[in-house]
Amino acid sequence: MTNLKAEDKSFYESTLREAKKKIEIIDATIEEELARVKETIANLQEQKKAVRQIYDGACVILGARNEFEEEEDKSGE
C-alpha cells in the first residue's frame, strides 16, 4: 500500500464505503426485479396453459387441425 496523506486516505475510505453501499443497493434492486419478472412469467405461463386447453378443446369439437400440436410434434422429432 502506498503512503497516503491522512486526508487522501480518508477520502478513499469514504469513497470505498459509498461505492460498496451503492453496489449492495443495486444488487438488491436486481434481485427484486428478477423476482418480479419470474412472477410475471409464471402468471403468463398459467394463462397460456388455460387458453391452450380452450384452444385444444375447440379444435377437437370442430375437428380442426391443431397447429400447436403440429409444432410440438415437429420440435419433438
PDB file of N, CA and C in Angstrom:
ATOM      1  N   MET A   1       0.856  -1.183   0.000  1.00  0.00           N
ATOM      2  CA  MET A   1       0.000   0.000   0.000  1.00  0.00           C
ATOM      3  C   MET A   1       0.890   1.230   0.000  1.00  0.00           C
ATOM      4  N   THR A   2       0.481   2.207  -0.785  1.00  0.00           N
ATOM      5  CA  THR A   2       1.260   3.439  -0.838  1.00  0.00           C
ATOM      6  C   THR A   2       0.987   4.277   0.396  1.00  0.00           C
ATOM      7  N   ASN A   3       1.928   5.125   0.695  1.00  0.00           N
ATOM      8  CA  ASN A   3       1.755   6.031   1.826  1.00  0.00           C
ATOM      9  C   ASN A   3       0.870   7.188   1.390  1.00  0.00           C
ATOM     10  N   LEU A   4      -0.274   7.288   2.037  1.00  0.00           N
ATOM     11  CA  LEU A   4      -1.222   8.350   1.712  1.00  0.00           C
ATOM     12  C   LEU A   4      -1.272   9.343   2.853  1.00  0.00           C
ATOM     13  N   LYS A   5      -1.537  10.559   2.469  1.00  0.00           N
ATOM     14  CA  LYS A   5      -1.780  11.570   3.488  1.00  0.00           C
ATOM     15  C   LYS A   5      -3.087  11.203   4.178  1.00  0.00           C
ATOM     16  N   ALA A   6      -3.256  11.611   5.399  1.00  0.00           N
ATOM     17  CA  ALA A   6      -4.456  11.297   6.172  1.00  0.00           C
ATOM     18  C   ALA A   6      -5.708  11.760   5.431  1.00  0.00           C
ATOM     19  N   GLU A   7      -5.618  12.937   4.829  1.00  0.00           N
ATOM     20  CA  GLU A   7      -6.763  13.484   4.098  1.00  0.00           C
ATOM     21  C   GLU A   7      -7.121  12.605   2.893  1.00  0.00           C
ATOM     22  N   ASP A   8      -6.089  12.167   2.149  1.00  0.00           N
ATOM     23  CA  ASP A   8      -6.318  11.307   0.992  1.00  0.00           C
ATOM     24  C   ASP A   8      -6.871   9.945   1.422  1.00  0.00           C
ATOM     25  N   LYS A   9      -6.294   9.407   2.489  1.00  0.00           N
ATOM     26  CA  LYS A   9      -6.756   8.114   2.986  1.00  0.00           C
ATOM     27  C   LYS A   9      -8.225   8.193   3.388  1.00  0.00           C
ATOM     28  N   SER A  10      -8.595   9.241   4.060  1.00  0.00           N
ATOM     29  CA  SER A  10      -9.977   9.431   4.486  1.00  0.00           C
ATOM     30  C   SER A  10     -10.904   9.521   3.276  1.00  0.00           C
ATOM     31  N   PHE A  11     -10.470  10.248   2.252  1.00  0.00           N
ATOM     32  CA  PHE A  11     -11.257  10.382   1.032  1.00  0.00           C
ATOM     33  C   PHE A  11     -11.506   9.016   0.397  1.00  0.00           C
ATOM     34  N   TYR A  12     -10.453   8.219   0.228  1.00  0.00           N
ATOM     35  CA  TYR A  12     -10.589   6.922  -0.417  1.00  0.00           C
ATOM     36  C   TYR A  12     -11.386   5.925   0.430  1.00  0.00           C
ATOM     37  N   GLU A  13     -11.261   5.998   1.733  1.00  0.00           N
ATOM     38  CA  GLU A  13     -12.057   5.134   2.602  1.00  0.00           C
ATOM     39  C   GLU A  13     -13.544   5.481   2.481  1.00  0.00           C
ATOM     40  N   SER A  14     -13.824   6.767   2.429  1.00  0.00           N
ATOM     41  CA  SER A  14     -15.203   7.212   2.261  1.00  0.00           C
ATOM     42  C   SER A  14     -15.750   6.772   0.900  1.00  0.00           C
ATOM     43  N   THR A  15     -14.937   6.928  -0.128  1.00  0.00           N
ATOM     44  CA  THR A  15     -15.321   6.512  -1.480  1.00  0.00           C
ATOM     45  C   THR A  15     -15.601   5.009  -1.508  1.00  0.00           C
ATOM     46  N   LEU A  16     -14.759   4.245  -0.856  1.00  0.00           N
ATOM     47  CA  LEU A  16     -14.917   2.800  -0.790  1.00  0.00           C
ATOM     48  C   LEU A  16     -16.236   2.414  -0.122  1.00  0.00           C
ATOM     49  N   ARG A  17     -16.548   3.046   0.997  1.00  0.00           N
ATOM     50  CA  ARG A  17     -17.792   2.756   1.710  1.00  0.00           C
ATOM     51  C   ARG A  17     -19.013   3.102   0.861  1.00  0.00           C
ATOM     52  N   GLU A  18     -18.989   4.270   0.244  1.00  0.00           N
ATOM     53  CA  GLU A  18     -20.119   4.703  -0.578  1.00  0.00           C
ATOM     54  C   GLU A  18     -20.314   3.796  -1.787  1.00  0.00           C
ATOM     55  N   ALA A  19     -19.222   3.417  -2.439  1.00  0.00           N
ATOM     56  CA  ALA A  19     -19.317   2.530  -3.600  1.00  0.00           C
ATOM     57  C   ALA A  19     -19.885   1.178  -3.178  1.00  0.00           C
ATOM     58  N   LYS A  20     -19.456   0.660  -2.026  1.00  0.00           N
ATOM     59  CA  LYS A  20     -19.961  -0.617  -1.534  1.00  0.00           C
ATOM     60  C   LYS A  20     -21.461  -0.532  -1.262  1.00  0.00           C
ATOM     61  N   LYS A  21     -21.920   0.566  -0.652  1.00  0.00           N
ATOM     62  CA  LYS A  21     -23.348   0.753  -0.388  1.00  0.00           C
ATOM     63  C   LYS A  21     -24.141   0.756  -1.687  1.00  0.00           C
ATOM     64  N   LYS A  22     -23.627   1.473  -2.678  1.00  0.00           N
ATOM     65  CA  LYS A  22     -24.325   1.552  -3.967  1.00  0.00           C
ATOM     66  C   LYS A  22     -24.399   0.188  -4.638  1.00  0.00           C
ATOM     67  N   ILE A  23     -23.310  -0.584  -4.563  1.00  0.00           N
ATOM     68  CA  ILE A  23     -23.298  -1.925  -5.143  1.00  0.00           C
ATOM     69  C   ILE A  23     -24.345  -2.798  -4.457  1.00  0.00           C
ATOM     70  N   GLU A  24     -24.428  -2.712  -3.131  1.00  0.00           N
ATOM     71  CA  GLU A  24     -25.412  -3.504  -2.388  1.00  0.00           C
ATOM     72  C   GLU A  24     -26.839  -3.105  -2.747  1.00  0.00           C
ATOM     73  N   ILE A  25     -27.073  -1.811  -2.937  1.00  0.00           N
ATOM     74  CA  ILE A  25     -28.402  -1.332  -3.336  1.00  0.00           C
ATOM     75  C   ILE A  25     -28.757  -1.844  -4.730  1.00  0.00           C
ATOM     76  N   ILE A  26     -27.798  -1.784  -5.630  1.00  0.00           N
ATOM     77  CA  ILE A  26     -28.024  -2.268  -6.994  1.00  0.00           C
ATOM     78  C   ILE A  26     -28.294  -3.768  -6.982  1.00  0.00           C
ATOM     79  N   ASP A  27     -27.515  -4.524  -6.207  1.00  0.00           N
ATOM     80  CA  ASP A  27     -27.739  -5.968  -6.111  1.00  0.00           C
ATOM     81  C   ASP A  27     -29.140  -6.273  -5.587  1.00  0.00           C
ATOM     82  N   ALA A  28     -29.574  -5.543  -4.588  1.00  0.00           N
ATOM     83  CA  ALA A  28     -30.915  -5.756  -4.029  1.00  0.00           C
ATOM     84  C   ALA A  28     -31.987  -5.428  -5.067  1.00  0.00           C
ATOM     85  N   THR A  29     -31.784  -4.364  -5.819  1.00  0.00           N
ATOM     86  CA  THR A  29     -32.733  -3.972  -6.860  1.00  0.00           C
ATOM     87  C   THR A  29     -32.803  -5.038  -7.949  1.00  0.00           C
ATOM     88  N   ILE A  30     -31.659  -5.579  -8.316  1.00  0.00           N
ATOM     89  CA  ILE A  30     -31.627  -6.644  -9.319  1.00  0.00           C
ATOM     90  C   ILE A  30     -32.426  -7.845  -8.833  1.00  0.00           C
ATOM     91  N   GLU A  31     -32.228  -8.236  -7.591  1.00  0.00           N
ATOM     92  CA  GLU A  31     -32.952  -9.385  -7.037  1.00  0.00           C
ATOM     93  C   GLU A  31     -34.459  -9.126  -7.019  1.00  0.00           C
ATOM     94  N   GLU A  32     -34.862  -7.917  -6.663  1.00  0.00           N
ATOM     95  CA  GLU A  32     -36.291  -7.569  -6.657  1.00  0.00           C
ATOM     96  C   GLU A  32     -36.877  -7.647  -8.057  1.00  0.00           C
ATOM     97  N   GLU A  33     -36.158  -7.116  -9.026  1.00  0.00           N
ATOM     98  CA  GLU A  33     -36.641  -7.135 -10.410  1.00  0.00           C
ATOM     99  C   GLU A  33     -36.712  -8.559 -10.946  1.00  0.00           C
ATOM    100  N   LEU A  34     -35.713  -9.380 -10.625  1.00  0.00           N
ATOM    101  CA  LEU A  34     -35.738 -10.775 -11.064  1.00  0.00           C
ATOM    102  C   LEU A  34     -36.941 -11.507 -10.483  1.00  0.00           C
ATOM    103  N   ALA A  35     -37.224 -11.268  -9.225  1.00  0.00           N
ATOM    104  CA  ALA A  35     -38.378 -11.905  -8.589  1.00  0.00           C
ATOM    105  C   ALA A  35     -39.676 -11.462  -9.265  1.00  0.00           C
ATOM    106  N   ARG A  36     -39.764 -10.170  -9.584  1.00  0.00           N
ATOM    107  CA  ARG A  36     -40.956  -9.641 -10.249  1.00  0.00           C
ATOM    108  C   ARG A  36     -41.122 -10.261 -11.640  1.00  0.00           C
ATOM    109  N   VAL A  37     -40.038 -10.354 -12.383  1.00  0.00           N
ATOM    110  CA  VAL A  37     -40.092 -10.926 -13.727  1.00  0.00           C
ATOM    111  C   VAL A  37     -40.456 -12.409 -13.671  1.00  0.00           C
ATOM    112  N   LYS A  38     -39.879 -13.140 -12.715  1.00  0.00           N
ATOM    113  CA  LYS A  38     -40.205 -14.560 -12.575  1.00  0.00           C
ATOM    114  C   LYS A  38     -41.683 -14.749 -12.261  1.00  0.00           C
ATOM    115  N   GLU A  39     -42.226 -13.887 -11.430  1.00  0.00           N
ATOM    116  CA  GLU A  39     -43.652 -13.976 -11.098  1.00  0.00           C
ATOM    117  C   GLU A  39     -44.509 -13.678 -12.328  1.00  0.00           C
ATOM    118  N   THR A  40     -44.123 -12.670 -13.088  1.00  0.00           N
ATOM    119  CA  THR A  40     -44.855 -12.326 -14.309  1.00  0.00           C
ATOM    120  C   THR A  40     -44.824 -13.485 -15.298  1.00  0.00           C
ATOM    121  N   ILE A  41     -43.664 -14.085 -15.468  1.00  0.00           N
ATOM    122  CA  ILE A  41     -43.539 -15.220 -16.395  1.00  0.00           C
ATOM    123  C   ILE A  41     -44.404 -16.381 -15.928  1.00  0.00           C
ATOM    124  N   ALA A  42     -44.390 -16.658 -14.639  1.00  0.00           N
ATOM    125  CA  ALA A  42     -45.215 -17.753 -14.108  1.00  0.00           C
ATOM    126  C   ALA A  42     -46.695 -17.482 -14.366  1.00  0.00           C
ATOM    127  N   ASN A  43     -47.134 -16.256 -14.159  1.00  0.00           N
ATOM    128  CA  ASN A  43     -48.529 -15.900 -14.417  1.00  0.00           C
ATOM    129  C   ASN A  43     -48.878 -16.057 -15.896  1.00  0.00           C
ATOM    130  N   LEU A  44     -47.993 -15.612 -16.757  1.00  0.00           N
ATOM    131  CA  LEU A  44     -48.234 -15.736 -18.195  1.00  0.00           C
ATOM    132  C   LEU A  44     -48.274 -17.199 -18.625  1.00  0.00           C
ATOM    133  N   GLN A  45     -47.409 -18.017 -18.051  1.00  0.00           N
ATOM    134  CA  GLN A  45     -47.417 -19.443 -18.392  1.00  0.00           C
ATOM    135  C   GLN A  45     -48.730 -20.100 -17.970  1.00  0.00           C
ATOM    136  N   GLU A  46     -49.241 -19.723 -16.809  1.00  0.00           N
ATOM    137  CA  GLU A  46     -50.523 -20.266 -16.359  1.00  0.00           C
ATOM    138  C   GLU A  46     -51.657 -19.817 -17.274  1.00  0.00           C
ATOM    139  N   GLN A  47     -51.639 -18.553 -17.680  1.00  0.00           N
ATOM    140  CA  GLN A  47     -52.657 -18.054 -18.606  1.00  0.00           C
ATOM    141  C   GLN A  47     -52.580 -18.791 -19.935  1.00  0.00           C
ATOM    142  N   LYS A  48     -51.364 -18.988 -20.418  1.00  0.00           N
ATOM    143  CA  LYS A  48     -51.167 -19.683 -21.688  1.00  0.00           C
ATOM    144  C   LYS A  48     -51.691 -21.109 -21.594  1.00  0.00           C
ATOM    145  N   LYS A  49     -51.410 -21.783 -20.479  1.00  0.00           N
ATOM    146  CA  LYS A  49     -51.871 -23.157 -20.308  1.00  0.00           C
ATOM    147  C   LYS A  49     -53.401 -23.215 -20.331  1.00  0.00           C
ATOM    148  N   ALA A  50     -54.042 -22.269 -19.661  1.00  0.00           N
ATOM    149  CA  ALA A  50     -55.507 -22.250 -19.618  1.00  0.00           C
ATOM    150  C   ALA A  50     -56.090 -21.989 -21.005  1.00  0.00           C
ATOM    151  N   VAL A  51     -55.540 -21.029 -21.718  1.00  0.00           N
ATOM    152  CA  VAL A  51     -56.037 -20.707 -23.057  1.00  0.00           C
ATOM    153  C   VAL A  51     -55.741 -21.853 -24.020  1.00  0.00           C
ATOM    154  N   ARG A  52     -54.612 -22.508 -23.822  1.00  0.00           N
ATOM    155  CA  ARG A  52     -54.259 -23.646 -24.684  1.00  0.00           C
ATOM    156  C   ARG A  52     -55.275 -24.779 -24.520  1.00  0.00           C
ATOM    157  N   GLN A  53     -55.739 -25.000 -23.298  1.00  0.00           N
ATOM    158  CA  GLN A  53     -56.761 -26.033 -23.078  1.00  0.00           C
ATOM    159  C   GLN A  53     -58.048 -25.685 -23.824  1.00  0.00           C
ATOM    160  N   ILE A  54     -58.406 -24.411 -23.801  1.00  0.00           N
ATOM    161  CA  ILE A  54     -59.598 -23.960 -24.536  1.00  0.00           C
ATOM    162  C   ILE A  54     -59.400 -24.177 -26.035  1.00  0.00           C
ATOM    163  N   TYR A  55     -58.234 -23.804 -26.536  1.00  0.00           N
ATOM    164  CA  TYR A  55     -57.915 -23.960 -27.954  1.00  0.00           C
ATOM    165  C   TYR A  55     -57.955 -25.431 -28.361  1.00  0.00           C
ATOM    166  N   ASP A  56     -57.295 -26.278 -27.573  1.00  0.00           N
ATOM    167  CA  ASP A  56     -57.271 -27.709 -27.872  1.00  0.00           C
ATOM    168  C   ASP A  56     -58.685 -28.275 -27.907  1.00  0.00           C
ATOM    169  N   GLY A  57     -59.502 -27.880 -26.940  1.00  0.00           N
ATOM    170  CA  GLY A  57     -60.892 -28.350 -26.896  1.00  0.00           C
ATOM    171  C   GLY A  57     -61.682 -27.903 -28.104  1.00  0.00           C
ATOM    172  N   ALA A  58     -61.504 -26.655 -28.513  1.00  0.00           N
ATOM    173  CA  ALA A  58     -62.214 -26.133 -29.685  1.00  0.00           C
ATOM    174  C   ALA A  58     -61.791 -26.888 -30.944  1.00  0.00           C
ATOM    175  N   CYS A  59     -60.515 -27.228 -31.041  1.00  0.00           N
ATOM    176  CA  CYS A  59     -60.044 -27.997 -32.196  1.00  0.00           C
ATOM    177  C   CYS A  59     -60.720 -29.361 -32.247  1.00  0.00           C
ATOM    178  N   VAL A  60     -60.826 -30.002 -31.090  1.00  0.00           N
ATOM    179  CA  VAL A  60     -61.468 -31.320 -31.029  1.00  0.00           C
ATOM    180  C   VAL A  60     -62.932 -31.210 -31.426  1.00  0.00           C
ATOM    181  N   ILE A  61     -63.636 -30.254 -30.868  1.00  0.00           N
ATOM    182  CA  ILE A  61     -65.068 -30.090 -31.152  1.00  0.00           C
ATOM    183  C   ILE A  61     -65.306 -29.793 -32.626  1.00  0.00           C
ATOM    184  N   LEU A  62     -64.448 -28.945 -33.214  1.00  0.00           N
ATOM    185  CA  LEU A  62     -64.620 -28.552 -34.621  1.00  0.00           C
ATOM    186  C   LEU A  62     -63.972 -29.531 -35.587  1.00  0.00           C
ATOM    187  N   GLY A  63     -63.160 -30.426 -35.063  1.00  0.00           N
ATOM    188  CA  GLY A  63     -62.430 -31.330 -35.950  1.00  0.00           C
ATOM    189  C   GLY A  63     -61.362 -30.597 -36.741  1.00  0.00           C
ATOM    190  N   ALA A  64     -60.898 -29.493 -36.193  1.00  0.00           N
ATOM    191  CA  ALA A  64     -59.890 -28.668 -36.869  1.00  0.00           C
ATOM    192  C   ALA A  64     -58.486 -29.136 -36.493  1.00  0.00           C
ATOM    193  N   ARG A  65     -57.560 -28.848 -37.389  1.00  0.00           N
ATOM    194  CA  ARG A  65     -56.188 -29.209 -37.080  1.00  0.00           C
ATOM    195  C   ARG A  65     -55.655 -28.302 -35.986  1.00  0.00           C
ATOM    196  N   ASN A  66     -54.827 -28.855 -35.137  1.00  0.00           N
ATOM    197  CA  ASN A  66     -54.261 -28.117 -34.011  1.00  0.00           C
ATOM    198  C   ASN A  66     -52.824 -27.738 -34.358  1.00  0.00           C
ATOM    199  N   GLU A  67     -52.647 -26.491 -34.730  1.00  0.00           N
ATOM    200  CA  GLU A  67     -51.330 -26.004 -35.141  1.00  0.00           C
ATOM    201  C   GLU A  67     -50.277 -26.164 -34.041  1.00  0.00           C
ATOM    202  N   PHE A  68     -50.704 -25.991 -32.814  1.00  0.00           N
ATOM    203  CA  PHE A  68     -49.745 -26.066 -31.712  1.00  0.00           C
ATOM    204  C   PHE A  68     -49.238 -27.492 -31.506  1.00  0.00           C
ATOM    205  N   GLU A  69     -50.126 -28.469 -31.645  1.00  0.00           N
ATOM    206  CA  GLU A  69     -49.684 -29.872 -31.530  1.00  0.00           C
ATOM    207  C   GLU A  69     -48.744 -30.224 -32.662  1.00  0.00           C
ATOM    208  N   GLU A  70     -49.038 -29.695 -33.869  1.00  0.00           N
ATOM    209  CA  GLU A  70     -48.161 -29.956 -35.018  1.00  0.00           C
ATOM    210  C   GLU A  70     -46.772 -29.378 -34.780  1.00  0.00           C
ATOM    211  N   GLU A  71     -46.726 -28.183 -34.230  1.00  0.00           N
ATOM    212  CA  GLU A  71     -45.435 -27.549 -33.936  1.00  0.00           C
ATOM    213  C   GLU A  71     -44.678 -28.337 -32.879  1.00  0.00           C
ATOM    214  N   GLU A  72     -45.398 -28.842 -31.863  1.00  0.00           N
ATOM    215  CA  GLU A  72     -44.765 -29.644 -30.820  1.00  0.00           C
ATOM    216  C   GLU A  72     -44.240 -30.951 -31.389  1.00  0.00           C
ATOM    217  N   ASP A  73     -45.004 -31.554 -32.310  1.00  0.00           N
ATOM    218  CA  ASP A  73     -44.565 -32.802 -32.931  1.00  0.00           C
ATOM    219  C   ASP A  73     -43.279 -32.570 -33.731  1.00  0.00           C
ATOM    220  N   LYS A  74     -43.235 -31.462 -34.453  1.00  0.00           N
ATOM    221  CA  LYS A  74     -42.038 -31.156 -35.259  1.00  0.00           C
ATOM    222  C   LYS A  74     -40.826 -30.890 -34.361  1.00  0.00           C
ATOM    223  N   SER A  75     -41.026 -30.159 -33.291  1.00  0.00           N
ATOM    224  CA  SER A  75     -39.894 -29.832 -32.415  1.00  0.00           C
ATOM    225  C   SER A  75     -39.472 -31.032 -31.583  1.00  0.00           C
ATOM    226  N   GLY A  76     -40.365 -32.009 -31.388  1.00  0.00           N
ATOM    227  CA  GLY A  76     -40.052 -33.190 -30.603  1.00  0.00           C
ATOM    228  C   GLY A  76     -39.307 -34.263 -31.387  1.00  0.00           C
ATOM    229  N   GLU A  77     -39.271 -34.085 -32.702  1.00  0.00           N
ATOM    230  CA  GLU A  77     -38.609 -35.102 -33.554  1.00  0.00           C
ATOM    231  C   GLU A  77     -37.114 -35.016 -33.446  1.00  0.00           C
TER     232      GLU A  77
END
